[in-house]
Every structure is written in C-alpha cells, then in structure tokens.
Protein backbone atom coordinates (compact mmCIF):
# COMPACT_ATOMS: atom_id res chain seq x y z
CA MET A 1 0.00 0.00 0.00
CA THR A 2 2.77 2.40 0.85
CA ALA A 3 4.40 1.89 -2.57
CA ILE A 4 1.35 2.84 -4.65
CA GLN A 5 0.49 5.70 -2.28
CA SER A 6 3.91 7.22 -2.98
CA GLY A 7 3.50 7.13 -6.78
CA ALA A 8 2.54 5.11 -9.84
CA CYS A 9 4.05 1.61 -9.78
CA SER A 10 4.16 -1.20 -12.30
CA ILE A 11 3.54 -4.80 -11.30
CA ASN A 12 7.30 -5.43 -11.51
CA ASP A 13 7.90 -2.49 -9.14
CA LEU A 14 5.42 -3.90 -6.63
CA VAL A 15 6.92 -7.38 -6.87
CA ALA A 16 10.40 -5.96 -6.23
CA VAL A 17 9.29 -3.82 -3.29
CA SER A 18 7.08 -6.44 -1.60
CA GLY A 19 9.07 -9.58 -2.37
CA MET A 20 5.78 -11.31 -3.26
CA SER A 21 4.86 -13.17 -6.43
CA ARG A 22 3.01 -11.45 -9.29
CA ARG A 23 -0.06 -13.54 -8.52
CA THR A 24 -0.09 -12.40 -4.88
CA VAL A 25 0.36 -8.75 -5.89
CA PHE A 26 -2.60 -8.95 -8.30
CA ARG A 27 -4.67 -10.60 -5.57
CA ASP A 28 -3.84 -7.90 -3.02
CA LEU A 29 -4.65 -5.11 -5.49
CA LYS A 30 -8.06 -6.71 -6.03
CA VAL A 31 -8.59 -6.91 -2.24
CA LEU A 32 -7.80 -3.20 -1.89
CA GLN A 33 -10.30 -2.33 -4.62
CA ASP A 34 -12.96 -4.54 -3.01
CA VAL A 35 -12.66 -2.73 0.34
CA GLY A 36 -13.03 0.70 -1.28
CA VAL A 37 -9.45 1.83 -1.83
CA PRO A 38 -9.42 3.78 -5.16
CA VAL A 39 -6.65 1.82 -6.89
CA ALA A 40 -6.50 2.99 -10.51
CA TYR A 41 -4.76 1.33 -13.46
CA ASP A 42 -3.20 3.41 -16.28
CA ALA A 43 -3.18 1.28 -19.44
CA ARG A 44 -0.76 3.64 -21.21
CA THR A 45 1.99 3.42 -18.59
CA ARG A 46 0.88 0.02 -17.20
CA THR A 47 1.04 1.33 -13.65
CA TYR A 48 -1.17 1.33 -10.57
CA SER A 49 -1.71 4.33 -8.30
CA VAL A 50 -4.00 5.69 -5.60
CA GLY A 51 -5.61 9.12 -5.91
CA ASP A 52 -4.28 12.02 -3.84
CA GLU A 53 -7.58 12.24 -1.98
CA PHE A 54 -6.96 8.88 -0.30
CA PHE A 55 -4.40 8.51 2.47
CA PHE A 56 -2.99 5.32 3.97
CA ARG A 57 -1.93 5.31 7.59
CA PRO A 58 1.90 5.00 7.46
CA ALA A 59 3.20 1.53 8.24
CA ALA A 60 5.42 1.14 11.30
CA MET A 61 9.14 1.13 10.53
CA SER A 62 11.23 -1.94 11.15
CA THR A 63 14.40 -1.56 13.22
CA GLU A 64 16.55 -1.75 10.09
CA GLU A 65 14.44 0.87 8.29
CA ALA A 66 14.63 3.24 11.26
CA VAL A 67 18.42 2.89 11.50
CA ALA A 68 18.79 3.43 7.74
CA VAL A 69 16.65 6.60 7.70
CA LEU A 70 18.22 8.14 10.81
CA LEU A 71 21.71 7.24 9.62
CA ALA A 72 21.05 9.17 6.42
CA LEU A 73 19.28 12.15 8.02
CA ARG A 74 21.38 12.59 11.16
CA LYS A 75 24.83 11.44 10.08
CA MET A 76 25.35 11.35 6.32
CA CYS A 77 23.24 14.22 4.93
CA PRO A 78 24.38 16.95 7.37
CA THR A 79 28.06 16.25 6.56
CA ALA A 80 27.60 16.32 2.76
CA ASN A 81 27.05 19.30 0.48
CA LEU A 82 23.27 18.89 0.52
CA PRO A 83 20.60 21.58 0.88
CA TYR A 84 17.95 21.76 3.63
CA LYS A 85 20.18 20.43 6.40
CA ASN A 86 18.03 21.96 9.15
CA ALA A 87 14.95 20.40 7.55
CA MET A 88 16.70 17.01 7.55
CA LEU A 89 17.46 17.23 11.27
CA SER A 90 13.87 18.32 11.94
CA ALA A 91 12.54 15.38 9.92
CA ALA A 92 14.80 13.02 11.86
CA ALA A 93 13.40 14.31 15.17
CA LYS A 94 9.82 13.79 13.94
CA ILE A 95 10.58 10.26 12.78
CA GLU A 96 12.18 9.41 16.13
CA CYS A 97 8.98 10.47 17.89
CA THR A 98 7.04 7.77 16.02
CA LEU A 99 9.40 4.96 17.03
CA SER A 100 8.86 2.60 19.90
CA PRO A 101 11.20 3.09 22.91
CA ALA A 102 13.03 -0.15 22.13
CA VAL A 103 13.66 0.79 18.49
CA ARG A 104 14.69 4.31 19.52
CA ARG A 105 17.22 2.98 22.03
CA HIS A 106 18.63 0.61 19.40
CA CYS A 107 19.02 3.45 16.89
CA GLU A 108 20.78 5.64 19.44
CA ALA A 109 23.19 2.83 20.33
CA VAL A 110 24.03 2.29 16.64
CA LEU A 111 24.40 5.96 15.70
CA ARG A 112 26.65 6.73 18.69
CA ARG A 113 29.22 4.41 17.11
CA VAL A 114 29.01 5.87 13.58
CA SER A 115 30.96 8.89 12.33
CA VAL A 116 30.82 10.47 8.87
CA LEU A 117 33.58 12.94 8.02
CA PRO A 118 32.43 16.24 6.46
CA HIS A 119 33.01 17.01 2.77
CA GLY A 120 33.29 20.79 3.13
CA HIS A 121 30.70 23.53 3.14
CA VAL A 122 29.07 25.63 0.41
CA PRO A 123 27.80 28.83 2.09
CA LEU A 124 25.05 29.76 -0.42
CA LEU A 125 23.94 26.22 -1.27
CA ASP A 126 20.44 26.44 0.26
CA VAL A 127 19.60 29.73 -1.48
CA VAL A 128 21.11 28.79 -4.85
CA PHE A 129 19.57 25.30 -4.81
CA LEU A 130 16.09 26.59 -3.90
CA ARG A 131 16.05 29.28 -6.59
CA LEU A 132 17.26 26.88 -9.28
CA GLN A 133 14.81 24.21 -8.17
CA GLU A 134 11.93 26.68 -8.42
CA ALA A 135 13.14 27.92 -11.81
CA ILE A 136 13.28 24.35 -13.17
CA VAL A 137 9.71 23.63 -12.03
CA GLU A 138 8.39 26.98 -13.32
CA ARG A 139 10.54 26.82 -16.50
CA ARG A 140 11.84 30.28 -15.68
CA ILE A 141 14.97 31.79 -17.25
CA VAL A 142 17.59 32.85 -14.71
CA CYS A 143 20.77 34.92 -14.81
CA LEU A 144 23.74 33.54 -12.90
CA ARG A 145 26.70 35.41 -11.51
CA TYR A 146 29.21 32.65 -12.06
CA ARG A 147 32.88 32.27 -11.10
CA GLU A 148 34.58 30.11 -13.73
CA ALA A 149 37.71 29.50 -11.61
CA GLU A 150 39.12 30.50 -8.25
CA ASP A 151 41.53 33.05 -9.74
CA ARG A 152 39.03 34.66 -12.11
CA GLY A 153 36.26 37.19 -11.72
CA CYS A 154 32.56 36.50 -12.22
CA ILE A 155 30.74 36.32 -15.52
CA ARG A 156 27.02 36.73 -16.18
CA VAL A 157 25.24 33.75 -17.73
CA GLU A 158 21.65 33.56 -18.93
CA LEU A 159 20.40 30.02 -18.35
CA ARG A 160 17.36 27.88 -18.98
CA PRO A 161 17.80 25.43 -16.06
CA LEU A 162 16.73 21.84 -16.75
CA HIS A 163 18.11 19.46 -14.11
CA LEU A 164 20.12 19.33 -10.87
CA VAL A 165 22.85 16.68 -10.55
CA TYR A 166 24.91 15.63 -7.50
CA ASP A 167 28.27 14.09 -8.39
CA ASP A 168 31.55 13.64 -6.51
CA HIS A 169 30.40 15.74 -3.51
CA LYS A 170 29.39 18.66 -5.76
CA TRP A 171 26.07 19.94 -7.11
CA HIS A 172 25.71 20.95 -10.75
CA VAL A 173 22.86 22.48 -12.72
CA LEU A 174 22.34 21.38 -16.31
CA GLY A 175 20.83 24.05 -18.48
CA ARG A 176 20.71 25.59 -21.92
CA SER A 177 23.17 28.46 -21.94
CA GLY A 178 22.34 31.80 -23.50
CA TRP A 179 25.85 31.85 -25.01
CA ASP A 180 25.34 29.22 -27.69
CA ARG A 181 22.03 27.47 -26.80
CA THR A 182 23.86 24.23 -25.92
CA VAL A 183 23.28 22.33 -22.69
CA ARG A 184 26.10 23.02 -20.25
CA SER A 185 26.79 22.23 -16.60
CA PHE A 186 27.53 24.82 -13.91
CA ARG A 187 28.80 24.06 -10.41
CA LEU A 188 26.56 25.41 -7.66
CA ASP A 189 29.53 26.21 -5.39
CA ARG A 190 30.71 28.69 -8.04
CA ILE A 191 27.37 30.45 -8.38
CA GLU A 192 27.41 33.68 -6.38
CA ALA A 193 23.89 34.87 -7.29
CA VAL A 194 20.77 33.54 -9.05
CA ASP A 195 18.49 36.21 -10.52
CA PRO A 196 15.13 34.81 -11.74
CA GLN A 197 13.86 36.62 -14.84
CA GLY A 198 10.33 37.51 -15.84
CA ARG A 199 10.55 35.29 -18.92
CA LEU A 200 9.59 31.61 -19.18
CA PHE A 201 10.91 29.00 -21.62
CA LEU A 202 9.16 26.11 -23.34
CA GLN A 203 9.53 22.67 -21.81
CA GLU A 204 12.23 20.59 -23.54
CA GLN A 205 10.36 17.47 -24.59
CA GLY A 206 13.43 15.52 -25.73
CA PHE A 207 15.77 16.31 -22.83
CA ALA A 208 16.73 13.59 -20.34
CA ALA A 209 19.66 14.08 -17.97
CA ASP A 210 20.85 10.45 -18.22
CA GLU A 211 20.87 10.59 -22.01
CA HIS A 212 22.68 13.93 -22.02
CA LEU A 213 25.41 12.70 -19.67
CA GLY A 214 25.68 9.43 -21.60
CA ASN A 215 29.20 8.03 -21.27
CA ALA A 216 30.75 11.14 -19.71
CA TRP A 217 33.21 10.26 -16.97
CA ARG A 218 31.41 12.61 -14.60
CA ILE A 219 29.33 15.58 -15.62
CA GLN A 220 30.82 16.98 -18.84
CA PRO A 221 30.34 15.04 -22.11
CA GLU A 222 32.64 16.31 -24.88
CA GLY A 223 31.03 14.67 -27.91
CA PHE A 224 33.71 12.08 -28.76
CA LEU A 225 33.95 8.51 -27.45
CA TYR A 226 37.27 6.94 -26.44
CA THR A 227 38.16 3.43 -25.35
CA VAL A 228 40.35 3.93 -22.28
CA ARG A 229 42.52 1.03 -21.04
CA LEU A 230 44.52 1.42 -17.83
CA ARG A 231 46.86 -0.89 -15.93
CA PHE A 232 46.87 -0.36 -12.16
CA GLY A 233 49.79 -1.65 -10.08
CA ALA A 234 49.40 -4.35 -7.44
CA GLU A 235 49.64 -1.79 -4.61
CA VAL A 236 46.30 -0.19 -5.57
CA ALA A 237 44.66 -2.93 -7.64
CA GLU A 238 42.33 -4.22 -4.91
CA ASP A 239 41.18 -0.73 -3.92
CA VAL A 240 40.53 0.24 -7.54
CA ARG A 241 38.61 -2.96 -8.29
CA ALA A 242 36.37 -2.46 -5.26
CA VAL A 243 34.67 0.58 -6.85
CA GLN A 244 32.41 0.81 -9.89
CA TRP A 245 33.89 4.00 -11.34
CA HIS A 246 31.89 4.05 -14.57
CA HIS A 247 28.94 2.09 -15.94
CA THR A 248 31.03 0.78 -18.88
CA GLN A 249 33.82 -0.51 -16.62
CA THR A 250 35.31 -3.95 -17.24
CA THR A 251 38.14 -5.45 -15.18
CA SER A 252 40.80 -8.06 -16.00
CA PRO A 253 43.20 -9.26 -13.28
CA CYS A 254 46.82 -10.01 -14.22
CA GLU A 255 49.12 -12.72 -12.85
CA ASP A 256 51.48 -10.17 -11.26
CA GLY A 257 48.67 -8.74 -9.11
CA SER A 258 48.01 -5.73 -11.31
CA VAL A 259 44.65 -5.14 -12.94
CA ILE A 260 43.60 -3.81 -16.34
CA MET A 261 40.48 -1.66 -16.51
CA GLU A 262 38.66 -0.61 -19.64
CA PHE A 263 36.09 2.16 -20.06
CA ARG A 264 34.16 3.66 -22.97
CA VAL A 265 34.26 7.36 -22.11
CA ASP A 266 32.86 10.51 -23.73
CA GLY A 267 35.75 12.98 -23.46
CA LEU A 268 39.10 12.76 -21.68
CA SER A 269 39.37 15.94 -19.62
CA GLU A 270 37.54 14.60 -16.58
CA ILE A 271 39.15 11.14 -16.49
CA LEU A 272 42.63 12.69 -16.95
CA TRP A 273 42.79 14.05 -13.40
CA TRP A 274 41.45 10.84 -11.93
CA VAL A 275 44.22 8.90 -13.69
CA LEU A 276 46.86 11.35 -12.46
CA SER A 277 45.70 10.89 -8.86
CA TYR A 278 47.19 7.35 -8.90
CA GLY A 279 50.69 8.59 -9.70
CA ASP A 280 53.13 5.86 -10.69
CA GLN A 281 50.60 3.12 -9.89
CA VAL A 282 48.75 3.56 -13.19
CA GLN A 283 49.84 3.18 -16.80
CA VAL A 284 47.72 4.39 -19.72
CA LEU A 285 47.61 1.65 -22.34
CA GLU A 286 45.24 3.52 -24.66
CA PRO A 287 44.32 5.90 -26.16
CA ALA A 288 47.64 7.43 -27.14
CA VAL A 289 46.29 10.97 -26.75
CA LEU A 290 45.49 10.36 -23.06
CA ARG A 291 48.89 8.70 -22.49
CA GLU A 292 50.60 11.78 -23.98
CA ARG A 293 48.61 14.19 -21.81
CA VAL A 294 49.52 12.23 -18.68
CA ARG A 295 53.20 12.10 -19.74
CA ARG A 296 53.40 15.87 -20.27
CA ILE A 297 51.81 16.71 -16.93
CA ALA A 298 54.05 14.18 -15.15
CA MET A 299 57.13 15.79 -16.71
CA ARG A 300 56.04 19.27 -15.66
CA THR A 301 55.35 17.95 -12.15
CA ALA A 302 58.82 16.41 -11.96
CA ARG A 303 60.47 19.64 -13.14
CA ALA A 304 58.50 21.66 -10.58
CA HIS A 305 59.81 19.40 -7.79
CA ASP A 306 63.39 19.65 -9.05
CA ARG A 307 63.38 23.37 -8.27
CA THR A 308 64.15 24.75 -4.83
CA PRO A 309 60.86 25.69 -3.10
CA THR A 310 60.23 29.42 -2.82
CA CYS A 311 57.60 31.44 -0.98
CA ALA A 312 55.93 34.43 -2.58
CA GLY A 313 57.00 37.74 -1.08
CA LYS A 314 60.26 36.38 0.41
C-alpha cells in the first residue's frame, strides 16, 4: 500500500518492493479495490496508483528501516554538500517520535558508534539550490553570476535550467546556456547569485539528464567517445577494483597482481585528473592521446619538484 500511495508503480515495481509473487500482488490489489481503496490502473503506462484524496496510515518502521533513515538524516546528509540540512534534522526528530522506545534505544546505540567525516561547506547552497529548483519547475529563465575558476572574476550567464545533478560531492545544474544554446553544466559552489527573470521557456520534450550525460566520466560530455585502457599496479589494484567508477567498466586481473580496466568514455578531460591521482601506480595503455597528456603533466610535475621551493613575497 505504501508503494502505490507514494506514486505510480508497475507490477514489476510492486513485486520488487514487496518480495511477493506477481499472482499475490494482483490478488492484493483486487482486495484493496474490493474494500473501497481507489486503486487505478493506467493502461498507457501500465502502472497502478491511488488518488491524492486517499491517504494510507503510514506503516510502522522496522528496526533496520529506522536505523537506515536516521543514519542518512542525522549522520550522512548533514556532513555532505546537501541543501535543507536543518529540515533534515527536523525530519529526523519527527521520525524518532514515532518509534517505539526499544527501536529508539537501538538506533541511538548504533548511531553513537558511527561517524561520517564532512566534505566541506558551500555557504550559499540552500539559497542557490532553492532558486534553481523553483526555476526548473516553473521553466523560468535565470541569470547567474558565475565564477569560472578560483583566480578569475565573475561572468554573467543567462540560463534555462533543466536538471540538478549531484556528483563527486558537488552539485551541478544542467541548463541551456544563453551563449550558444547548448546544454552546459555549472557548479553550484561557483554560483554567487541567481536572478530569476520575468521570462519563461518552453519545456524541452526531448531532454533527459541520463541521455545527455551518456558516457561522460562525470558531468561533462565532450562529444567524442574513447576506449580507455589502464593498468593499475598491485599496490592499488584491490582498492581500484572495489569501486564501480563508470557504468562501462570492465576489469581483467593479471598474474602479477596488477589489474587492467577498460572504459568507454565521452571525453578525456575529466578522467585525466582521476588517472593522475594514482601517480606511478597507473599506466595508460590507450588511447595514445590520453597517455601523452599524462606524460606531459608528469614531466612538468617532476620539473617543478626539481626546483628549490620558494615562498611568494620572500
């Protein structure tokens, strides 16, 4: 009941959520209809839903569910660069009030022994996020005061915001830029002001964030696909293999303990800095253009460390 109250669900969705067979799910949907619950079926989307006018009493949380929710709201979310942190803590307090004393004591015992290290702080995140979120829903054009880099001044960008994306501890907004009408990404921590305009834009029927990002390493597709093959040394092989870095990732272990990883990536700029972070424990096998970029940066790094350190102003 909770699943279809929260939104339209297919039979496969309900089977996955409930762990029951398709036959049992169909039977339970019929029982709900028989007792007066307005369960509706949409033949176009093949989904079931319950009208907004009907409200199910929330089901009691299990101990595991309570720990999971409070872990996210009280420990993980407040330490990450996420908006509405005060609202998260308030929601956690309200949820705790609905728990039985035994479950509450268990949650407290678990959370006392869990620490999540902070990822930094973006001062204007709540304001910037809220204004962009509203502009996306209203399809309202905004003007951004945007800092392209730490050592540069701000530029003014007219944007048709389409989607918010959280990646690698940073928020980005995808939108159609007034510069060239292409979809670009802008980091929220570099936005110093969001000025909503009086103009609206038409909804983009063909835009989907997942399709736009495609095979980009992170958030910036460049329009050209590369097959990237890397050999990681034995010292880091296990750590590297433990993470799914990209949805195209394949892994081949070698007899000497090293590992070869292969990706199909749109653009090289983003993956370049990830490769460099592994220093001498990674070797670029292909493409040659990425190997050459890594080689040049490594040479410049070596030359910089050959020089005697100096301090500005001394």
